[in-house]
PDB file of all heavy atoms in Angstrom:
ATOM      1  N   ASN A   1      48.205  36.085  65.801  1.00  0.00           N
ATOM      2  CA  ASN A   1      47.862  36.806  64.573  1.00  0.00           C
ATOM      3  C   ASN A   1      47.834  38.310  64.818  1.00  0.00           C
ATOM      4  O   ASN A   1      46.905  39.009  64.395  1.00  0.00           O
ATOM      5  CB  ASN A   1      46.521  36.320  64.027  1.00  0.00           C
ATOM      6  CG  ASN A   1      46.542  34.859  63.671  1.00  0.00           C
ATOM      7  OD1 ASN A   1      47.426  34.404  62.951  1.00  0.00           O
ATOM      8  ND2 ASN A   1      45.566  34.106  64.175  1.00  0.00           N
ATOM      9  N   THR A   2      48.853  38.784  65.473  1.00  0.00           N
ATOM     10  CA  THR A   2      48.894  40.170  65.908  1.00  0.00           C
ATOM     11  C   THR A   2      50.239  40.795  65.586  1.00  0.00           C
ATOM     12  O   THR A   2      51.286  40.153  65.744  1.00  0.00           O
ATOM     13  CB  THR A   2      48.629  40.264  67.420  1.00  0.00           C
ATOM     14  OG1 THR A   2      47.329  39.736  67.709  1.00  0.00           O
ATOM     15  CG2 THR A   2      48.687  41.702  67.905  1.00  0.00           C
ATOM     16  N   SER A   3      50.213  42.031  65.132  1.00  0.00           N
ATOM     17  CA  SER A   3      51.419  42.814  64.965  1.00  0.00           C
ATOM     18  C   SER A   3      51.430  43.940  65.980  1.00  0.00           C
ATOM     19  O   SER A   3      50.383  44.370  66.481  1.00  0.00           O
ATOM     20  CB  SER A   3      51.540  43.375  63.554  1.00  0.00           C
ATOM     21  OG  SER A   3      50.550  44.361  63.302  1.00  0.00           O
ATOM     22  N   TYR A   4      52.622  44.419  66.267  1.00  0.00           N
ATOM     23  CA  TYR A   4      52.812  45.483  67.233  1.00  0.00           C
ATOM     24  C   TYR A   4      53.752  46.522  66.632  1.00  0.00           C
ATOM     25  O   TYR A   4      54.679  46.188  65.894  1.00  0.00           O
ATOM     26  CB  TYR A   4      53.421  44.958  68.532  1.00  0.00           C
ATOM     27  CG  TYR A   4      52.648  43.836  69.168  1.00  0.00           C
ATOM     28  CD1 TYR A   4      52.892  42.509  68.814  1.00  0.00           C
ATOM     29  CD2 TYR A   4      51.669  44.093  70.124  1.00  0.00           C
ATOM     30  CE1 TYR A   4      52.185  41.473  69.395  1.00  0.00           C
ATOM     31  CE2 TYR A   4      50.960  43.060  70.708  1.00  0.00           C
ATOM     32  CZ  TYR A   4      51.219  41.755  70.346  1.00  0.00           C
ATOM     33  OH  TYR A   4      50.510  40.730  70.925  1.00  0.00           O
ATOM     34  N   LEU A   5      53.516  47.754  66.982  1.00  0.00           N
ATOM     35  CA  LEU A   5      54.403  48.832  66.573  1.00  0.00           C
ATOM     36  C   LEU A   5      54.882  49.547  67.826  1.00  0.00           C
ATOM     37  O   LEU A   5      54.153  50.349  68.412  1.00  0.00           O
ATOM     38  CB  LEU A   5      53.696  49.810  65.635  1.00  0.00           C
ATOM     39  CG  LEU A   5      54.576  50.933  65.076  1.00  0.00           C
ATOM     40  CD1 LEU A   5      55.669  50.369  64.175  1.00  0.00           C
ATOM     41  CD2 LEU A   5      53.738  51.959  64.331  1.00  0.00           C
ATOM     42  N   GLN A   6      56.098  49.233  68.238  1.00  0.00           N
ATOM     43  CA  GLN A   6      56.686  49.886  69.400  1.00  0.00           C
ATOM     44  C   GLN A   6      57.259  51.223  68.963  1.00  0.00           C
ATOM     45  O   GLN A   6      58.182  51.268  68.151  1.00  0.00           O
ATOM     46  CB  GLN A   6      57.781  49.018  70.010  1.00  0.00           C
ATOM     47  CG  GLN A   6      58.483  49.652  71.204  1.00  0.00           C
ATOM     48  CD  GLN A   6      57.565  49.811  72.393  1.00  0.00           C
ATOM     49  OE1 GLN A   6      57.044  48.824  72.912  1.00  0.00           O
ATOM     50  NE2 GLN A   6      57.347  51.048  72.824  1.00  0.00           N
ATOM     51  N   MET A   7      56.714  52.286  69.493  1.00  0.00           N
ATOM     52  CA  MET A   7      57.125  53.634  69.136  1.00  0.00           C
ATOM     53  C   MET A   7      57.725  54.297  70.361  1.00  0.00           C
ATOM     54  O   MET A   7      57.073  54.397  71.399  1.00  0.00           O
ATOM     55  CB  MET A   7      55.946  54.451  68.621  1.00  0.00           C
ATOM     56  CG  MET A   7      55.245  53.826  67.422  1.00  0.00           C
ATOM     57  SD  MET A   7      53.978  54.916  66.708  1.00  0.00           S
ATOM     58  CE  MET A   7      52.751  54.884  68.014  1.00  0.00           C
ATOM     59  N   THR A   8      58.952  54.741  70.225  1.00  0.00           N
ATOM     60  CA  THR A   8      59.632  55.462  71.289  1.00  0.00           C
ATOM     61  C   THR A   8      60.143  56.779  70.747  1.00  0.00           C
ATOM     62  O   THR A   8      60.249  56.978  69.541  1.00  0.00           O
ATOM     63  CB  THR A   8      60.799  54.651  71.869  1.00  0.00           C
ATOM     64  OG1 THR A   8      61.767  54.386  70.842  1.00  0.00           O
ATOM     65  CG2 THR A   8      60.311  53.326  72.438  1.00  0.00           C
ATOM     66  N   GLY A   9      60.485  57.667  71.654  1.00  0.00           N
ATOM     67  CA  GLY A   9      60.996  58.959  71.240  1.00  0.00           C
ATOM     68  C   GLY A   9      60.049  59.695  70.312  1.00  0.00           C
ATOM     69  O   GLY A   9      60.481  60.297  69.325  1.00  0.00           O
ATOM     70  N   LEU A  10      58.781  59.649  70.633  1.00  0.00           N
ATOM     71  CA  LEU A  10      57.775  60.236  69.746  1.00  0.00           C
ATOM     72  C   LEU A  10      57.956  61.739  69.615  1.00  0.00           C
ATOM     73  O   LEU A  10      58.312  62.423  70.572  1.00  0.00           O
ATOM     74  CB  LEU A  10      56.377  59.904  70.244  1.00  0.00           C
ATOM     75  CG  LEU A  10      55.937  58.466  69.955  1.00  0.00           C
ATOM     76  CD1 LEU A  10      54.754  58.083  70.830  1.00  0.00           C
ATOM     77  CD2 LEU A  10      55.587  58.315  68.475  1.00  0.00           C
ATOM     78  N   LYS A  11      57.706  62.209  68.416  1.00  0.00           N
ATOM     79  CA  LYS A  11      57.827  63.612  68.078  1.00  0.00           C
ATOM     80  C   LYS A  11      56.479  64.137  67.605  1.00  0.00           C
ATOM     81  O   LYS A  11      55.654  63.371  67.117  1.00  0.00           O
ATOM     82  CB  LYS A  11      58.857  63.804  66.957  1.00  0.00           C
ATOM     83  CG  LYS A  11      60.223  63.222  67.252  1.00  0.00           C
ATOM     84  CD  LYS A  11      61.116  63.320  66.021  1.00  0.00           C
ATOM     85  CE  LYS A  11      62.478  62.715  66.274  1.00  0.00           C
ATOM     86  NZ  LYS A  11      63.341  62.785  65.067  1.00  0.00           N
ATOM     87  N   PRO A  12      56.256  65.438  67.717  1.00  0.00           N
ATOM     88  CA  PRO A  12      54.995  65.983  67.208  1.00  0.00           C
ATOM     89  C   PRO A  12      54.731  65.625  65.751  1.00  0.00           C
ATOM     90  O   PRO A  12      53.572  65.423  65.372  1.00  0.00           O
ATOM     91  CB  PRO A  12      55.154  67.492  67.402  1.00  0.00           C
ATOM     92  CG  PRO A  12      56.061  67.603  68.585  1.00  0.00           C
ATOM     93  CD  PRO A  12      57.034  66.460  68.435  1.00  0.00           C
ATOM     94  N   GLU A  13      55.772  65.530  64.944  1.00  0.00           N
ATOM     95  CA  GLU A  13      55.583  65.186  63.550  1.00  0.00           C
ATOM     96  C   GLU A  13      55.164  63.740  63.328  1.00  0.00           C
ATOM     97  O   GLU A  13      54.841  63.354  62.206  1.00  0.00           O
ATOM     98  CB  GLU A  13      56.843  65.502  62.731  1.00  0.00           C
ATOM     99  CG  GLU A  13      58.113  64.939  63.318  1.00  0.00           C
ATOM    100  CD  GLU A  13      58.879  65.953  64.151  1.00  0.00           C
ATOM    101  OE1 GLU A  13      58.254  66.649  64.978  1.00  0.00           O
ATOM    102  OE2 GLU A  13      60.112  66.050  63.975  1.00  0.00           O
ATOM    103  N   ASP A  14      55.174  62.929  64.382  1.00  0.00           N
ATOM    104  CA  ASP A  14      54.641  61.579  64.293  1.00  0.00           C
ATOM    105  C   ASP A  14      53.120  61.548  64.400  1.00  0.00           C
ATOM    106  O   ASP A  14      52.515  60.490  64.208  1.00  0.00           O
ATOM    107  CB  ASP A  14      55.231  60.686  65.386  1.00  0.00           C
ATOM    108  CG  ASP A  14      56.721  60.457  65.220  1.00  0.00           C
ATOM    109  OD1 ASP A  14      57.171  60.239  64.082  1.00  0.00           O
ATOM    110  OD2 ASP A  14      57.435  60.485  66.245  1.00  0.00           O
ATOM    111  N   THR A  15      52.526  62.664  64.729  1.00  0.00           N
ATOM    112  CA  THR A  15      51.075  62.726  64.853  1.00  0.00           C
ATOM    113  C   THR A  15      50.421  62.332  63.538  1.00  0.00           C
ATOM    114  O   THR A  15      50.716  62.906  62.491  1.00  0.00           O
ATOM    115  CB  THR A  15      50.631  64.129  65.268  1.00  0.00           C
ATOM    116  OG1 THR A  15      51.123  64.410  66.580  1.00  0.00           O
ATOM    117  CG2 THR A  15      49.111  64.240  65.274  1.00  0.00           C
ATOM    118  N   ALA A  16      49.539  61.356  63.605  1.00  0.00           N
ATOM    119  CA  ALA A  16      48.900  60.828  62.401  1.00  0.00           C
ATOM    120  C   ALA A  16      47.871  59.793  62.803  1.00  0.00           C
ATOM    121  O   ALA A  16      47.813  59.362  63.957  1.00  0.00           O
ATOM    122  CB  ALA A  16      49.938  60.181  61.475  1.00  0.00           C
ATOM    123  N   ILE A  17      47.079  59.393  61.833  1.00  0.00           N
ATOM    124  CA  ILE A  17      46.284  58.195  61.987  1.00  0.00           C
ATOM    125  C   ILE A  17      47.142  57.028  61.516  1.00  0.00           C
ATOM    126  O   ILE A  17      47.679  57.055  60.398  1.00  0.00           O
ATOM    127  CB  ILE A  17      44.976  58.255  61.185  1.00  0.00           C
ATOM    128  CG1 ILE A  17      44.121  59.432  61.644  1.00  0.00           C
ATOM    129  CG2 ILE A  17      44.192  56.959  61.337  1.00  0.00           C
ATOM    130  CD1 ILE A  17      42.883  59.646  60.802  1.00  0.00           C
ATOM    131  N   TYR A  18      47.269  56.035  62.353  1.00  0.00           N
ATOM    132  CA  TYR A  18      48.081  54.869  62.044  1.00  0.00           C
ATOM    133  C   TYR A  18      47.174  53.715  61.644  1.00  0.00           C
ATOM    134  O   TYR A  18      46.224  53.377  62.354  1.00  0.00           O
ATOM    135  CB  TYR A  18      48.940  54.481  63.249  1.00  0.00           C
ATOM    136  CG  TYR A  18      50.121  55.396  63.433  1.00  0.00           C
ATOM    137  CD1 TYR A  18      49.947  56.715  63.844  1.00  0.00           C
ATOM    138  CD2 TYR A  18      51.421  54.955  63.177  1.00  0.00           C
ATOM    139  CE1 TYR A  18      51.021  57.564  63.989  1.00  0.00           C
ATOM    140  CE2 TYR A  18      52.502  55.798  63.324  1.00  0.00           C
ATOM    141  CZ  TYR A  18      52.298  57.106  63.730  1.00  0.00           C
ATOM    142  OH  TYR A  18      53.376  57.952  63.880  1.00  0.00           O
ATOM    143  N   TYR A  19      47.479  53.124  60.501  1.00  0.00           N
ATOM    144  CA  TYR A  19      46.696  52.030  59.955  1.00  0.00           C
ATOM    145  C   TYR A  19      47.541  50.767  59.889  1.00  0.00           C
ATOM    146  O   TYR A  19      48.672  50.801  59.400  1.00  0.00           O
ATOM    147  CB  TYR A  19      46.217  52.349  58.540  1.00  0.00           C
ATOM    148  CG  TYR A  19      45.310  53.542  58.433  1.00  0.00           C
ATOM    149  CD1 TYR A  19      45.818  54.811  58.180  1.00  0.00           C
ATOM    150  CD2 TYR A  19      43.934  53.404  58.573  1.00  0.00           C
ATOM    151  CE1 TYR A  19      44.989  55.912  58.074  1.00  0.00           C
ATOM    152  CE2 TYR A  19      43.091  54.501  58.465  1.00  0.00           C
ATOM    153  CZ  TYR A  19      43.626  55.749  58.216  1.00  0.00           C
ATOM    154  OH  TYR A  19      42.796  56.837  58.105  1.00  0.00           O
ATOM    155  N   CYS A  20      46.990  49.671  60.351  1.00  0.00           N
ATOM    156  CA  CYS A  20      47.683  48.413  60.152  1.00  0.00           C
ATOM    157  C   CYS A  20      47.183  47.748  58.883  1.00  0.00           C
ATOM    158  O   CYS A  20      46.106  48.058  58.368  1.00  0.00           O
ATOM    159  CB  CYS A  20      47.552  47.487  61.365  1.00  0.00           C
ATOM    160  SG  CYS A  20      45.928  46.755  61.629  1.00  0.00           S
ATOM    161  N   ASN A  21      47.975  46.833  58.399  1.00  0.00           N
ATOM    162  CA  ASN A  21      47.770  46.250  57.084  1.00  0.00           C
ATOM    163  C   ASN A  21      48.293  44.824  57.081  1.00  0.00           C
ATOM    164  O   ASN A  21      49.255  44.498  57.779  1.00  0.00           O
ATOM    165  CB  ASN A  21      48.511  47.114  56.048  1.00  0.00           C
ATOM    166  CG  ASN A  21      48.887  46.378  54.787  1.00  0.00           C
ATOM    167  OD1 ASN A  21      49.958  45.752  54.725  1.00  0.00           O
ATOM    168  ND2 ASN A  21      48.037  46.456  53.779  1.00  0.00           N
ATOM    169  N   THR A  22      47.623  43.980  56.310  1.00  0.00           N
ATOM    170  CA  THR A  22      48.166  42.671  55.994  1.00  0.00           C
ATOM    171  C   THR A  22      48.183  42.495  54.486  1.00  0.00           C
ATOM    172  O   THR A  22      47.281  42.966  53.787  1.00  0.00           O
ATOM    173  CB  THR A  22      47.369  41.519  56.631  1.00  0.00           C
ATOM    174  OG1 THR A  22      45.998  41.589  56.223  1.00  0.00           O
ATOM    175  CG2 THR A  22      47.458  41.566  58.143  1.00  0.00           C
ATOM    176  N   GLN A  23      49.204  41.835  54.005  1.00  0.00           N
ATOM    177  CA  GLN A  23      49.340  41.562  52.584  1.00  0.00           C
ATOM    178  C   GLN A  23      49.289  40.056  52.361  1.00  0.00           C
ATOM    179  O   GLN A  23      49.883  39.285  53.123  1.00  0.00           O
ATOM    180  CB  GLN A  23      50.641  42.133  52.037  1.00  0.00           C
ATOM    181  CG  GLN A  23      50.751  42.052  50.532  1.00  0.00           C
ATOM    182  CD  GLN A  23      51.997  42.728  50.002  1.00  0.00           C
ATOM    183  OE1 GLN A  23      53.107  42.441  50.458  1.00  0.00           O
ATOM    184  NE2 GLN A  23      51.815  43.632  49.050  1.00  0.00           N
ATOM    185  N   HIS A  24      48.601  39.670  51.293  1.00  0.00           N
ATOM    186  CA  HIS A  24      48.345  38.272  51.015  1.00  0.00           C
ATOM    187  C   HIS A  24      48.618  37.974  49.545  1.00  0.00           C
ATOM    188  O   HIS A  24      48.503  38.858  48.692  1.00  0.00           O
ATOM    189  CB  HIS A  24      46.877  37.921  51.301  1.00  0.00           C
ATOM    190  CG  HIS A  24      46.396  38.375  52.632  1.00  0.00           C
ATOM    191  ND1 HIS A  24      46.120  37.494  53.651  1.00  0.00           N
ATOM    192  CD2 HIS A  24      46.146  39.621  53.111  1.00  0.00           C
ATOM    193  CE1 HIS A  24      45.716  38.186  54.704  1.00  0.00           C
ATOM    194  NE2 HIS A  24      45.727  39.464  54.406  1.00  0.00           N
ATOM    195  N   VAL A  25      48.950  36.724  49.257  1.00  0.00           N
ATOM    196  CA  VAL A  25      49.073  36.272  47.884  1.00  0.00           C
ATOM    197  C   VAL A  25      48.342  34.947  47.755  1.00  0.00           C
ATOM    198  O   VAL A  25      48.472  34.076  48.622  1.00  0.00           O
ATOM    199  CB  VAL A  25      50.550  36.153  47.456  1.00  0.00           C
ATOM    200  CG1 VAL A  25      51.309  35.140  48.309  1.00  0.00           C
ATOM    201  CG2 VAL A  25      50.651  35.811  45.981  1.00  0.00           C
ATOM    202  N   ASP A  26      47.561  34.791  46.696  1.00  0.00           N
ATOM    203  CA  ASP A  26      46.806  33.563  46.521  1.00  0.00           C
ATOM    204  C   ASP A  26      47.529  32.601  45.580  1.00  0.00           C
ATOM    205  O   ASP A  26      48.651  32.856  45.137  1.00  0.00           O
ATOM    206  CB  ASP A  26      45.376  33.860  46.058  1.00  0.00           C
ATOM    207  CG  ASP A  26      45.290  34.426  44.646  1.00  0.00           C
ATOM    208  OD1 ASP A  26      46.293  34.378  43.893  1.00  0.00           O
ATOM    209  OD2 ASP A  26      44.210  34.919  44.282  1.00  0.00           O
ATOM    210  N   TYR A  27      46.869  31.505  45.264  1.00  0.00           N
ATOM    211  CA  TYR A  27      47.509  30.454  44.475  1.00  0.00           C
ATOM    212  C   TYR A  27      47.776  30.862  43.031  1.00  0.00           C
ATOM    213  O   TYR A  27      48.573  30.211  42.348  1.00  0.00           O
ATOM    214  CB  TYR A  27      46.660  29.186  44.517  1.00  0.00           C
ATOM    215  CG  TYR A  27      45.303  29.312  43.865  1.00  0.00           C
ATOM    216  CD1 TYR A  27      45.093  28.866  42.569  1.00  0.00           C
ATOM    217  CD2 TYR A  27      44.230  29.865  44.556  1.00  0.00           C
ATOM    218  CE1 TYR A  27      43.848  28.972  41.980  1.00  0.00           C
ATOM    219  CE2 TYR A  27      42.991  29.977  43.968  1.00  0.00           C
ATOM    220  CZ  TYR A  27      42.801  29.532  42.674  1.00  0.00           C
ATOM    221  OH  TYR A  27      41.557  29.646  42.094  1.00  0.00           O
ATOM    222  N   LEU A  28      47.141  31.920  42.561  1.00  0.00           N
ATOM    223  CA  LEU A  28      47.422  32.479  41.248  1.00  0.00           C
ATOM    224  C   LEU A  28      48.393  33.652  41.320  1.00  0.00           C
ATOM    225  O   LEU A  28      48.576  34.363  40.331  1.00  0.00           O
ATOM    226  CB  LEU A  28      46.118  32.915  40.583  1.00  0.00           C
ATOM    227  CG  LEU A  28      45.150  31.791  40.234  1.00  0.00           C
ATOM    228  CD1 LEU A  28      43.857  32.366  39.666  1.00  0.00           C
ATOM    229  CD2 LEU A  28      45.779  30.814  39.245  1.00  0.00           C
ATOM    230  N   ARG A  29      49.008  33.834  42.462  1.00  0.00           N
ATOM    231  CA  ARG A  29      49.980  34.888  42.702  1.00  0.00           C
ATOM    232  C   ARG A  29      49.375  36.280  42.541  1.00  0.00           C
ATOM    233  O   ARG A  29      50.042  37.216  42.104  1.00  0.00           O
ATOM    234  CB  ARG A  29      51.213  34.714  41.823  1.00  0.00           C
ATOM    235  CG  ARG A  29      51.869  33.342  41.979  1.00  0.00           C
ATOM    236  CD  ARG A  29      53.207  33.249  41.294  1.00  0.00           C
ATOM    237  NE  ARG A  29      54.245  33.887  42.080  1.00  0.00           N
ATOM    238  CZ  ARG A  29      54.839  35.027  41.759  1.00  0.00           C
ATOM    239  NH1 ARG A  29      54.498  35.665  40.631  1.00  0.00           N
ATOM    240  NH2 ARG A  29      55.779  35.525  42.530  1.00  0.00           N
ATOM    241  N   ARG A  30      48.126  36.382  42.899  1.00  0.00           N
ATOM    242  CA  ARG A  30      47.472  37.670  42.962  1.00  0.00           C
ATOM    243  C   ARG A  30      47.594  38.203  44.377  1.00  0.00           C
ATOM    244  O   ARG A  30      47.393  37.466  45.346  1.00  0.00           O
ATOM    245  CB  ARG A  30      46.004  37.553  42.562  1.00  0.00           C
ATOM    246  CG  ARG A  30      45.801  37.067  41.135  1.00  0.00           C
ATOM    247  CD  ARG A  30      44.333  36.858  40.810  1.00  0.00           C
ATOM    248  NE  ARG A  30      43.743  35.813  41.632  1.00  0.00           N
ATOM    249  CZ  ARG A  30      42.558  35.272  41.405  1.00  0.00           C
ATOM    250  NH1 ARG A  30      41.825  35.670  40.364  1.00  0.00           N
ATOM    251  NH2 ARG A  30      42.090  34.335  42.211  1.00  0.00           N
ATOM    252  N   TRP A  31      47.890  39.466  44.507  1.00  0.00           N
ATOM    253  CA  TRP A  31      48.148  40.064  45.800  1.00  0.00           C
ATOM    254  C   TRP A  31      46.939  40.844  46.304  1.00  0.00           C
ATOM    255  O   TRP A  31      46.253  41.525  45.538  1.00  0.00           O
ATOM    256  CB  TRP A  31      49.369  40.976  45.727  1.00  0.00           C
ATOM    257  CG  TRP A  31      50.627  40.195  45.518  1.00  0.00           C
ATOM    258  CD1 TRP A  31      51.142  39.772  44.329  1.00  0.00           C
ATOM    259  CD2 TRP A  31      51.504  39.717  46.539  1.00  0.00           C
ATOM    260  NE1 TRP A  31      52.301  39.057  44.534  1.00  0.00           N
ATOM    261  CE2 TRP A  31      52.547  39.015  45.882  1.00  0.00           C
ATOM    262  CE3 TRP A  31      51.530  39.818  47.923  1.00  0.00           C
ATOM    263  CZ2 TRP A  31      53.590  38.417  46.584  1.00  0.00           C
ATOM    264  CZ3 TRP A  31      52.567  39.221  48.621  1.00  0.00           C
ATOM    265  CH2 TRP A  31      53.583  38.531  47.946  1.00  0.00           C
ATOM    266  N   TYR A  32      46.715  40.753  47.594  1.00  0.00           N
ATOM    267  CA  TYR A  32      45.600  41.409  48.237  1.00  0.00           C
ATOM    268  C   TYR A  32      46.079  42.090  49.512  1.00  0.00           C
ATOM    269  O   TYR A  32      47.005  41.612  50.173  1.00  0.00           O
ATOM    270  CB  TYR A  32      44.491  40.412  48.595  1.00  0.00           C
ATOM    271  CG  TYR A  32      43.950  39.651  47.413  1.00  0.00           C
ATOM    272  CD1 TYR A  32      44.549  38.461  46.991  1.00  0.00           C
ATOM    273  CD2 TYR A  32      42.840  40.119  46.719  1.00  0.00           C
ATOM    274  CE1 TYR A  32      44.054  37.759  45.905  1.00  0.00           C
ATOM    275  CE2 TYR A  32      42.334  39.415  45.638  1.00  0.00           C
ATOM    276  CZ  TYR A  32      42.951  38.240  45.236  1.00  0.00           C
ATOM    277  OH  TYR A  32      42.448  37.547  44.160  1.00  0.00           O
TER     278      TYR A  32
END
């Protein structure tokens, strides 16, 4: 249950706070 972000060739403009996210849909097709 894990995602990875392989980042190479990093540039100063890549400086940021990085947030991971999961998207879900329930039985009524509502997204979370």
